[in-house]
C-alpha atoms as a PDB file:
ATOM      1  CA  MET A   1       0.000   0.000   0.000  1.00  0.00           C
ATOM      2  CA  THR A   2       1.640   3.210  -1.145  1.00  0.00           C
ATOM      3  CA  ALA A   3       1.243   6.490   0.677  1.00  0.00           C
ATOM      4  CA  HIS A   4       1.345   8.801  -2.311  1.00  0.00           C
ATOM      5  CA  GLY A   5      -0.314   9.244  -5.686  1.00  0.00           C
ATOM      6  CA  HIS A   6       1.059   9.616  -9.206  1.00  0.00           C
ATOM      7  CA  ASP A   7      -0.349  10.845 -12.481  1.00  0.00           C
ATOM      8  CA  ARG A   8      -4.025  10.183 -12.931  1.00  0.00           C
ATOM      9  CA  GLY A   9      -4.932   6.961 -14.675  1.00  0.00           C
ATOM     10  CA  PRO A  10      -7.884   5.249 -16.306  1.00  0.00           C
ATOM     11  CA  GLY A  11      -9.703   5.029 -12.987  1.00  0.00           C
ATOM     12  CA  GLN A  12     -10.008   8.808 -12.755  1.00  0.00           C
ATOM     13  CA  ALA A  13     -13.228   9.068 -14.688  1.00  0.00           C
ATOM     14  CA  LEU A  14     -14.899   6.002 -13.186  1.00  0.00           C
ATOM     15  CA  PRO A  15     -17.819   6.732 -10.860  1.00  0.00           C
ATOM     16  CA  GLY A  16     -17.551   5.418  -7.319  1.00  0.00           C
ATOM     17  CA  ARG A  17     -20.768   3.466  -7.524  1.00  0.00           C
ATOM     18  CA  ILE A  18     -21.296  -0.027  -6.182  1.00  0.00           C
ATOM     19  CA  GLU A  19     -22.932  -2.692  -8.363  1.00  0.00           C
ATOM     20  CA  ARG A  20     -24.021  -5.625  -6.219  1.00  0.00           C
ATOM     21  CA  ASP A  21     -25.716  -7.741  -8.897  1.00  0.00           C
ATOM     22  CA  GLY A  22     -24.310  -9.871 -11.711  1.00  0.00           C
ATOM     23  CA  LEU A  23     -21.683 -11.705  -9.645  1.00  0.00           C
ATOM     24  CA  PRO A  24     -20.796 -15.386  -9.985  1.00  0.00           C
ATOM     25  CA  SER A  25     -22.682 -17.490  -7.451  1.00  0.00           C
ATOM     26  CA  TRP A  26     -19.553 -18.344  -5.446  1.00  0.00           C
ATOM     27  CA  LEU A  27     -18.938 -14.652  -4.783  1.00  0.00           C
ATOM     28  CA  GLU A  28     -22.453 -13.796  -3.584  1.00  0.00           C
ATOM     29  CA  PRO A  29     -21.802 -14.986   0.019  1.00  0.00           C
ATOM     30  CA  VAL A  30     -18.821 -12.622   0.158  1.00  0.00           C
ATOM     31  CA  ARG A  31     -21.006  -9.722  -0.981  1.00  0.00           C
ATOM     32  CA  ASP A  32     -23.762 -10.613   1.485  1.00  0.00           C
ATOM     33  CA  ALA A  33     -21.294 -10.857   4.378  1.00  0.00           C
ATOM     34  CA  ALA A  34     -19.703  -7.526   3.434  1.00  0.00           C
ATOM     35  CA  GLU A  35     -23.091  -5.834   3.482  1.00  0.00           C
ATOM     36  CA  ARG A  36     -23.927  -6.949   7.023  1.00  0.00           C
ATOM     37  CA  VAL A  37     -20.570  -7.192   8.810  1.00  0.00           C
ATOM     38  CA  LEU A  38     -19.833  -4.757  11.655  1.00  0.00           C
ATOM     39  CA  PRO A  39     -16.454  -3.027  12.093  1.00  0.00           C
ATOM     40  CA  GLU A  40     -15.757  -4.792  15.385  1.00  0.00           C
ATOM     41  CA  GLN A  41     -16.294  -8.154  13.641  1.00  0.00           C
ATOM     42  CA  LEU A  42     -13.382  -7.364  11.333  1.00  0.00           C
ATOM     43  CA  SER A  43     -10.727  -5.985  13.667  1.00  0.00           C
ATOM     44  CA  ARG A  44     -10.069  -4.744  17.177  1.00  0.00           C
ATOM     45  CA  PHE A  45      -8.239  -1.793  15.616  1.00  0.00           C
ATOM     46  CA  LEU A  46     -10.959   0.689  14.705  1.00  0.00           C
ATOM     47  CA  PRO A  47     -10.530   4.275  13.470  1.00  0.00           C
ATOM     48  CA  PRO A  48     -10.168   6.960  16.136  1.00  0.00           C
ATOM     49  CA  ALA A  49     -12.804   9.648  16.495  1.00  0.00           C
ATOM     50  CA  GLU A  50     -10.334  12.140  15.021  1.00  0.00           C
ATOM     51  CA  GLY A  51      -7.101  11.908  13.081  1.00  0.00           C
ATOM     52  CA  GLY A  52      -5.650   9.252  10.859  1.00  0.00           C
ATOM     53  CA  ARG A  53      -4.985   9.364   7.137  1.00  0.00           C
ATOM     54  CA  ALA A  54      -7.646   8.018   4.797  1.00  0.00           C
ATOM     55  CA  ALA A  55      -6.559   5.117   2.589  1.00  0.00           C
ATOM     56  CA  ALA A  56      -8.132   2.294   0.615  1.00  0.00           C
ATOM     57  CA  VAL A  57      -7.155  -1.139  -0.672  1.00  0.00           C
ATOM     58  CA  LEU A  58      -8.654  -3.273  -3.435  1.00  0.00           C
ATOM     59  CA  MET A  59      -9.559  -6.866  -2.595  1.00  0.00           C
ATOM     60  CA  LEU A  60     -10.035  -8.077  -6.157  1.00  0.00           C
ATOM     61  CA  PHE A  61     -11.619 -11.468  -6.795  1.00  0.00           C
ATOM     62  CA  GLY A  62     -11.069 -13.179 -10.121  1.00  0.00           C
ATOM     63  CA  GLU A  63     -11.462 -16.571 -11.722  1.00  0.00           C
ATOM     64  CA  GLY A  64      -8.152 -17.841 -13.010  1.00  0.00           C
ATOM     65  CA  GLY A  65      -7.051 -21.153 -14.433  1.00  0.00           C
ATOM     66  CA  THR A  66      -7.214 -22.794 -11.000  1.00  0.00           C
ATOM     67  CA  GLY A  67     -10.578 -21.338 -10.020  1.00  0.00           C
ATOM     68  CA  PRO A  68     -11.586 -18.369  -7.846  1.00  0.00           C
ATOM     69  CA  ASP A  69      -8.663 -16.280  -6.644  1.00  0.00           C
ATOM     70  CA  VAL A  70      -7.548 -12.968  -5.122  1.00  0.00           C
ATOM     71  CA  LEU A  71      -5.038 -10.494  -6.581  1.00  0.00           C
ATOM     72  CA  LEU A  72      -2.129  -9.499  -4.334  1.00  0.00           C
ATOM     73  CA  ILE A  73       1.110  -7.614  -4.740  1.00  0.00           C
ATOM     74  CA  GLU A  74       4.461  -8.064  -3.039  1.00  0.00           C
ATOM     75  CA  ARG A  75       6.100  -4.902  -1.813  1.00  0.00           C
ATOM     76  CA  ALA A  76       9.559  -4.269  -3.243  1.00  0.00           C
ATOM     77  CA  ARG A  77      12.304  -5.767  -1.105  1.00  0.00           C
ATOM     78  CA  SER A  78      14.258  -2.506  -1.326  1.00  0.00           C
ATOM     79  CA  LEU A  79      11.638  -0.608   0.674  1.00  0.00           C
ATOM     80  CA  ARG A  80      12.451   0.493   4.209  1.00  0.00           C
ATOM     81  CA  SER A  81       9.066  -0.567   5.582  1.00  0.00           C
ATOM     82  CA  HIS A  82       7.467  -4.037   5.186  1.00  0.00           C
ATOM     83  CA  ALA A  83       9.907  -5.001   2.430  1.00  0.00           C
ATOM     84  CA  GLY A  84       8.765  -8.089   0.555  1.00  0.00           C
ATOM     85  CA  GLN A  85       5.436  -8.239   2.364  1.00  0.00           C
ATOM     86  CA  PRO A  86       2.388  -9.326   0.334  1.00  0.00           C
ATOM     87  CA  SER A  87      -0.555  -6.934   0.415  1.00  0.00           C
ATOM     88  CA  PHE A  88      -3.586  -5.741  -1.445  1.00  0.00           C
ATOM     89  CA  PRO A  89      -3.039  -2.984  -4.012  1.00  0.00           C
ATOM     90  CA  GLY A  90      -3.875   0.317  -2.376  1.00  0.00           C
ATOM     91  CA  GLY A  91      -2.726   3.492  -0.735  1.00  0.00           C
ATOM     92  CA  ALA A  92      -3.663   6.882   0.630  1.00  0.00           C
ATOM     93  CA  LEU A  93      -6.507   8.908  -0.828  1.00  0.00           C
ATOM     94  CA  ASP A  94      -5.546  11.835  -3.038  1.00  0.00           C
ATOM     95  CA  PRO A  95      -7.708  14.987  -2.960  1.00  0.00           C
ATOM     96  CA  GLU A  96      -8.873  14.182  -6.493  1.00  0.00           C
ATOM     97  CA  ASP A  97     -10.297  10.847  -5.314  1.00  0.00           C
ATOM     98  CA  GLY A  98     -13.144  12.612  -3.561  1.00  0.00           C
ATOM     99  CA  ASP A  99     -14.842  12.401  -0.189  1.00  0.00           C
ATOM    100  CA  PRO A 100     -13.302   9.813   2.177  1.00  0.00           C
ATOM    101  CA  GLU A 101     -16.811   9.292   3.561  1.00  0.00           C
ATOM    102  CA  GLY A 102     -18.281   8.858   0.079  1.00  0.00           C
ATOM    103  CA  SER A 103     -16.886   7.609  -3.218  1.00  0.00           C
ATOM    104  CA  GLY A 104     -13.263   8.501  -2.405  1.00  0.00           C
ATOM    105  CA  PRO A 105     -12.155   5.048  -1.190  1.00  0.00           C
ATOM    106  CA  VAL A 106     -13.500   3.332  -4.325  1.00  0.00           C
ATOM    107  CA  ALA A 107     -11.750   5.831  -6.597  1.00  0.00           C
ATOM    108  CA  ALA A 108      -8.509   5.540  -4.609  1.00  0.00           C
ATOM    109  CA  ALA A 109      -8.508   1.734  -4.569  1.00  0.00           C
ATOM    110  CA  LEU A 110      -8.983   1.543  -8.334  1.00  0.00           C
ATOM    111  CA  ARG A 111      -6.426   4.275  -9.002  1.00  0.00           C
ATOM    112  CA  GLU A 112      -3.782   2.699  -6.780  1.00  0.00           C
ATOM    113  CA  ALA A 113      -4.391  -0.735  -8.323  1.00  0.00           C
ATOM    114  CA  TRP A 114      -3.788   0.807 -11.749  1.00  0.00           C
ATOM    115  CA  GLU A 115      -0.655   2.599 -10.559  1.00  0.00           C
ATOM    116  CA  GLU A 116       0.825  -0.519  -8.930  1.00  0.00           C
ATOM    117  CA  THR A 117      -0.238  -3.301 -11.310  1.00  0.00           C
ATOM    118  CA  GLY A 118      -1.388  -1.707 -14.575  1.00  0.00           C
ATOM    119  CA  LEU A 119      -4.861  -3.107 -13.936  1.00  0.00           C
ATOM    120  CA  ASP A 120      -7.578  -1.603 -16.144  1.00  0.00           C
ATOM    121  CA  PRO A 121     -10.220  -0.354 -13.654  1.00  0.00           C
ATOM    122  CA  ALA A 122     -12.882  -0.456 -16.382  1.00  0.00           C
ATOM    123  CA  GLY A 123     -12.926  -4.250 -16.020  1.00  0.00           C
ATOM    124  CA  VAL A 124     -13.581  -4.174 -12.275  1.00  0.00           C
ATOM    125  CA  GLN A 125     -17.055  -4.318 -10.788  1.00  0.00           C
ATOM    126  CA  VAL A 126     -16.989  -2.900  -7.265  1.00  0.00           C
ATOM    127  CA  PHE A 127     -19.654  -4.849  -5.408  1.00  0.00           C
ATOM    128  CA  ALA A 128     -19.110  -3.919  -1.746  1.00  0.00           C
ATOM    129  CA  VAL A 129     -17.115  -1.750   0.626  1.00  0.00           C
ATOM    130  CA  LEU A 130     -16.123  -2.954   4.091  1.00  0.00           C
ATOM    131  CA  PRO A 131     -16.111  -0.686   7.157  1.00  0.00           C
ATOM    132  CA  ALA A 132     -12.971   1.399   7.573  1.00  0.00           C
ATOM    133  CA  LEU A 133     -10.271  -0.154   9.774  1.00  0.00           C
ATOM    134  CA  TYR A 134      -7.208   1.286  11.485  1.00  0.00           C
ATOM    135  CA  ILE A 135      -3.492   0.526  11.237  1.00  0.00           C
ATOM    136  CA  PRO A 136      -2.072   2.116  14.420  1.00  0.00           C
ATOM    137  CA  VAL A 137       1.602   1.951  13.417  1.00  0.00           C
ATOM    138  CA  SER A 138       1.020   4.036  10.276  1.00  0.00           C
ATOM    139  CA  ARG A 139      -2.151   5.845  11.422  1.00  0.00           C
ATOM    140  CA  PHE A 140      -3.917   4.884   8.194  1.00  0.00           C
ATOM    141  CA  VAL A 141      -7.714   4.612   8.240  1.00  0.00           C
ATOM    142  CA  VAL A 142      -8.133   1.949   5.564  1.00  0.00           C
ATOM    143  CA  THR A 143     -11.312   1.106   3.673  1.00  0.00           C
ATOM    144  CA  PRO A 144     -11.219  -2.317   1.956  1.00  0.00           C
ATOM    145  CA  VAL A 145     -12.997  -2.147  -1.413  1.00  0.00           C
ATOM    146  CA  LEU A 146     -14.244  -5.472  -2.809  1.00  0.00           C
ATOM    147  CA  GLY A 147     -14.231  -5.982  -6.567  1.00  0.00           C
ATOM    148  CA  TRP A 148     -15.047  -8.647  -9.157  1.00  0.00           C
ATOM    149  CA  TRP A 149     -12.585  -8.876 -12.046  1.00  0.00           C
ATOM    150  CA  ARG A 150     -15.322  -9.025 -14.652  1.00  0.00           C
ATOM    151  CA  GLU A 151     -13.044  -8.312 -17.615  1.00  0.00           C
ATOM    152  CA  GLU A 152      -9.455  -9.226 -16.863  1.00  0.00           C
ATOM    153  CA  SER A 153      -6.498  -7.169 -18.066  1.00  0.00           C
ATOM    154  CA  PRO A 154      -2.747  -7.848 -17.953  1.00  0.00           C
ATOM    155  CA  VAL A 155      -1.067  -6.998 -14.633  1.00  0.00           C
ATOM    156  CA  ARG A 156       2.581  -6.557 -13.701  1.00  0.00           C
ATOM    157  CA  PRO A 157       4.764  -4.521 -11.318  1.00  0.00           C
ATOM    158  CA  VAL A 158       4.577  -0.996 -12.760  1.00  0.00           C
ATOM    159  CA  ASP A 159       7.273   0.536 -10.537  1.00  0.00           C
ATOM    160  CA  ALA A 160       9.935  -1.953  -9.429  1.00  0.00           C
ATOM    161  CA  GLY A 161      10.916   0.465  -6.674  1.00  0.00           C
ATOM    162  CA  GLU A 162       7.538  -0.051  -5.005  1.00  0.00           C
ATOM    163  CA  THR A 163       6.147  -3.369  -6.247  1.00  0.00           C
ATOM    164  CA  GLY A 164       8.239  -6.517  -6.406  1.00  0.00           C
ATOM    165  CA  ALA A 165       5.598  -8.869  -7.790  1.00  0.00           C
ATOM    166  CA  VAL A 166       1.953  -9.119  -8.750  1.00  0.00           C
ATOM    167  CA  PHE A 167       0.348 -12.512  -8.230  1.00  0.00           C
ATOM    168  CA  ARG A 168      -2.959 -14.318  -7.809  1.00  0.00           C
ATOM    169  CA  VAL A 169      -3.734 -16.622  -4.894  1.00  0.00           C
ATOM    170  CA  PRO A 170      -6.428 -19.297  -5.339  1.00  0.00           C
ATOM    171  CA  ILE A 171      -9.100 -19.126  -2.670  1.00  0.00           C
ATOM    172  CA  ALA A 172      -8.738 -22.902  -2.317  1.00  0.00           C
ATOM    173  CA  GLU A 173      -5.175 -22.319  -1.079  1.00  0.00           C
ATOM    174  CA  LEU A 174      -6.281 -19.617   1.345  1.00  0.00           C
ATOM    175  CA  THR A 175      -8.949 -21.889   2.833  1.00  0.00           C
ATOM    176  CA  ASP A 176      -6.710 -24.978   2.983  1.00  0.00           C
ATOM    177  CA  PRO A 177      -6.167 -25.687   6.721  1.00  0.00           C
ATOM    178  CA  ALA A 178      -2.619 -26.880   5.951  1.00  0.00           C
ATOM    179  CA  ASN A 179      -1.695 -23.334   4.853  1.00  0.00           C
ATOM    180  CA  ARG A 180      -2.955 -21.522   7.933  1.00  0.00           C
ATOM    181  CA  VAL A 181      -1.181 -20.451  11.121  1.00  0.00           C
ATOM    182  CA  ARG A 182      -1.351 -17.718  13.720  1.00  0.00           C
ATOM    183  CA  LEU A 183       1.663 -15.425  13.580  1.00  0.00           C
ATOM    184  CA  ARG A 184       3.142 -13.834  16.690  1.00  0.00           C
ATOM    185  CA  HIS A 185       4.696 -10.427  16.131  1.00  0.00           C
ATOM    186  CA  PRO A 186       7.643  -9.332  18.345  1.00  0.00           C
ATOM    187  CA  SER A 187       5.167  -6.931  20.004  1.00  0.00           C
ATOM    188  CA  GLY A 188       3.253  -9.977  21.217  1.00  0.00           C
ATOM    189  CA  HIS A 189       0.266  -9.441  18.903  1.00  0.00           C
ATOM    190  CA  LEU A 190      -1.173 -12.616  17.394  1.00  0.00           C
ATOM    191  CA  GLY A 191      -2.770 -12.529  13.973  1.00  0.00           C
ATOM    192  CA  PRO A 192      -3.737 -14.869  11.162  1.00  0.00           C
ATOM    193  CA  ALA A 193      -1.274 -15.775   8.424  1.00  0.00           C
ATOM    194  CA  PHE A 194      -1.392 -17.772   5.200  1.00  0.00           C
ATOM    195  CA  ALA A 195       1.536 -19.682   3.667  1.00  0.00           C
ATOM    196  CA  VAL A 196       0.600 -19.693  -0.014  1.00  0.00           C
ATOM    197  CA  GLY A 197       2.645 -19.849  -3.182  1.00  0.00           C
ATOM    198  CA  GLY A 198       5.915 -19.758  -1.267  1.00  0.00           C
ATOM    199  CA  ARG A 199       4.919 -16.501   0.417  1.00  0.00           C
ATOM    200  CA  LEU A 200       3.724 -15.611   3.895  1.00  0.00           C
ATOM    201  CA  VAL A 201       0.660 -13.351   3.857  1.00  0.00           C
ATOM    202  CA  TRP A 202       0.298 -11.671   7.252  1.00  0.00           C
ATOM    203  CA  GLY A 203      -0.542  -8.367   8.941  1.00  0.00           C
ATOM    204  CA  PHE A 204      -3.473  -6.206   7.840  1.00  0.00           C
ATOM    205  CA  THR A 205      -3.933  -8.085   4.560  1.00  0.00           C
ATOM    206  CA  ALA A 206      -4.158 -11.490   6.236  1.00  0.00           C
ATOM    207  CA  GLY A 207      -6.551 -10.088   8.828  1.00  0.00           C
ATOM    208  CA  VAL A 208      -8.979  -8.870   6.179  1.00  0.00           C
ATOM    209  CA  ILE A 209      -8.756 -12.140   4.211  1.00  0.00           C
ATOM    210  CA  ASP A 210      -9.307 -14.149   7.394  1.00  0.00           C
ATOM    211  CA  ARG A 211     -12.437 -12.202   8.387  1.00  0.00           C
ATOM    212  CA  VAL A 212     -13.904 -12.201   4.869  1.00  0.00           C
ATOM    213  CA  LEU A 213     -13.484 -15.975   4.607  1.00  0.00           C
ATOM    214  CA  HIS A 214     -14.985 -16.448   8.063  1.00  0.00           C
ATOM    215  CA  HIS A 215     -18.055 -14.248   7.704  1.00  0.00           C
ATOM    216  CA  SER A 216     -18.814 -15.417   4.168  1.00  0.00           C
ATOM    217  CA  GLY A 217     -18.801 -19.070   5.215  1.00  0.00           C
ATOM    218  CA  LEU A 218     -15.824 -19.990   3.006  1.00  0.00           C
ATOM    219  CA  GLU A 219     -13.518 -20.748   5.935  1.00  0.00           C
ATOM    220  CA  LEU A 220     -12.655 -24.376   6.683  1.00  0.00           C
ATOM    221  CA  PRO A 221     -11.824 -25.577  10.207  1.00  0.00           C
ATOM    222  CA  TRP A 222      -8.118 -25.142  10.924  1.00  0.00           C
ATOM    223  CA  ASP A 223      -5.769 -25.580  13.870  1.00  0.00           C
ATOM    224  CA  GLN A 224      -5.714 -22.187  15.582  1.00  0.00           C
ATOM    225  CA  THR A 225      -3.313 -23.458  18.224  1.00  0.00           C
ATOM    226  CA  ARG A 226      -0.536 -23.595  15.606  1.00  0.00           C
ATOM    227  CA  ILE A 227       1.474 -20.459  16.369  1.00  0.00           C
ATOM    228  CA  VAL A 228       4.728 -19.336  14.768  1.00  0.00           C
ATOM    229  CA  ASP A 229       6.916 -16.357  15.581  1.00  0.00           C
ATOM    230  CA  LEU A 230       7.615 -13.587  13.090  1.00  0.00           C
ATOM    231  CA  SER A 231      11.246 -14.603  12.851  1.00  0.00           C
ATOM    232  CA  ASP A 232      13.886 -15.613  10.356  1.00  0.00           C
ATOM    233  CA  GLU A 233      12.046 -18.915   9.917  1.00  0.00           C
ATOM    234  CA  ALA A 234       8.748 -17.204   9.189  1.00  0.00           C
ATOM    235  CA  LEU A 235      10.289 -14.542   6.987  1.00  0.00           C
ATOM    236  CA  ALA A 236      11.840 -17.312   4.879  1.00  0.00           C
ATOM    237  CA  LEU A 237       8.332 -17.771   3.517  1.00  0.00           C
ATOM    238  CA  VAL A 238       8.386 -14.237   2.181  1.00  0.00           C
ATOM    239  CA  GLN A 239      11.500 -15.112   0.212  1.00  0.00           C
ATOM    240  CA  GLY A 240       9.656 -17.880  -1.604  1.00  0.00           C
ATOM    241  CA  ASP A 241      11.426 -20.783   0.111  1.00  0.00           C
ATOM    242  CA  ARG A 242       8.849 -23.523  -0.259  1.00  0.00           C
ATOM    243  CA  ASP A 243      10.897 -26.155   1.601  1.00  0.00           C
ATOM    244  CA  ARG A 244      11.257 -23.999   4.696  1.00  0.00           C
ATOM    245  CA  SER A 245       7.609 -23.026   4.369  1.00  0.00           C
ATOM    246  CA  ARG A 246       6.554 -26.661   4.589  1.00  0.00           C
ATOM    247  CA  ALA A 247       8.931 -27.260   7.485  1.00  0.00           C
ATOM    248  CA  LEU A 248       7.568 -24.297   9.403  1.00  0.00           C
ATOM    249  CA  LEU A 249       3.952 -25.299   8.966  1.00  0.00           C
ATOM    250  CA  SER A 250       4.603 -28.948   9.793  1.00  0.00           C
ATOM    251  CA  GLY A 251       6.205 -27.959  13.081  1.00  0.00           C
ATOM    252  CA  ASP A 252       9.805 -28.774  12.124  1.00  0.00           C
ATOM    253  CA  ALA A 253      10.818 -25.137  12.518  1.00  0.00           C
ATOM    254  CA  ARG A 254      10.580 -23.069  15.692  1.00  0.00           C
ATOM    255  CA  THR A 255       6.979 -22.995  16.916  1.00  0.00           C
ATOM    256  CA  THR A 256       5.073 -22.731  20.177  1.00  0.00           C
END
């Protein structure tokens, strides 16, 4: 998630409207859950009464060669903050995006996705917007925008200095109990994590995925007592080391 904007892209002229109909049947439970979920059911970190910087991310669902999936990016490993960490496309709202309480988050999510991946926003149907959540360490007030990739377009890292990779994760991999752990941050905070495609998805992104799967009924039972530390072993997943990933999740690496 970037904290600044660039030149305006194809998403500039798109209205911030939400179109809830015309989705594939497998995505309808996600839409229905998004329409009824409460902020406190998504996170214990909720926006403060005042302050914080408005931001938005795009949780984009598609249907690739292996079935339903979600588009993610990997932050460039040269960045000073969260280098190599998978995330949704997204970033801070620009003034031109509009009202943070109105259509601004939708416009920002589509614009940032275009800036980071080259995605054509015209092919995205925004079908729901989740309640805004808070990232205390960065003071971002983040609105997750949910989209259906109705007409797919080529995607790639647009700026190698910000985006290291653009990739799609099958929902079947995200729901596979073998790929799920709880990750313990050095601060002591425990949060969900997913070991998928040789990467470790954690932090804010994993939290949103976890809650969306849960409230939409897509989640499968998994061992929530399996806890790993955010350590060299866990970060090996971010580097795409599949062997160490399997070792970590099977309990051969350091766990508690």
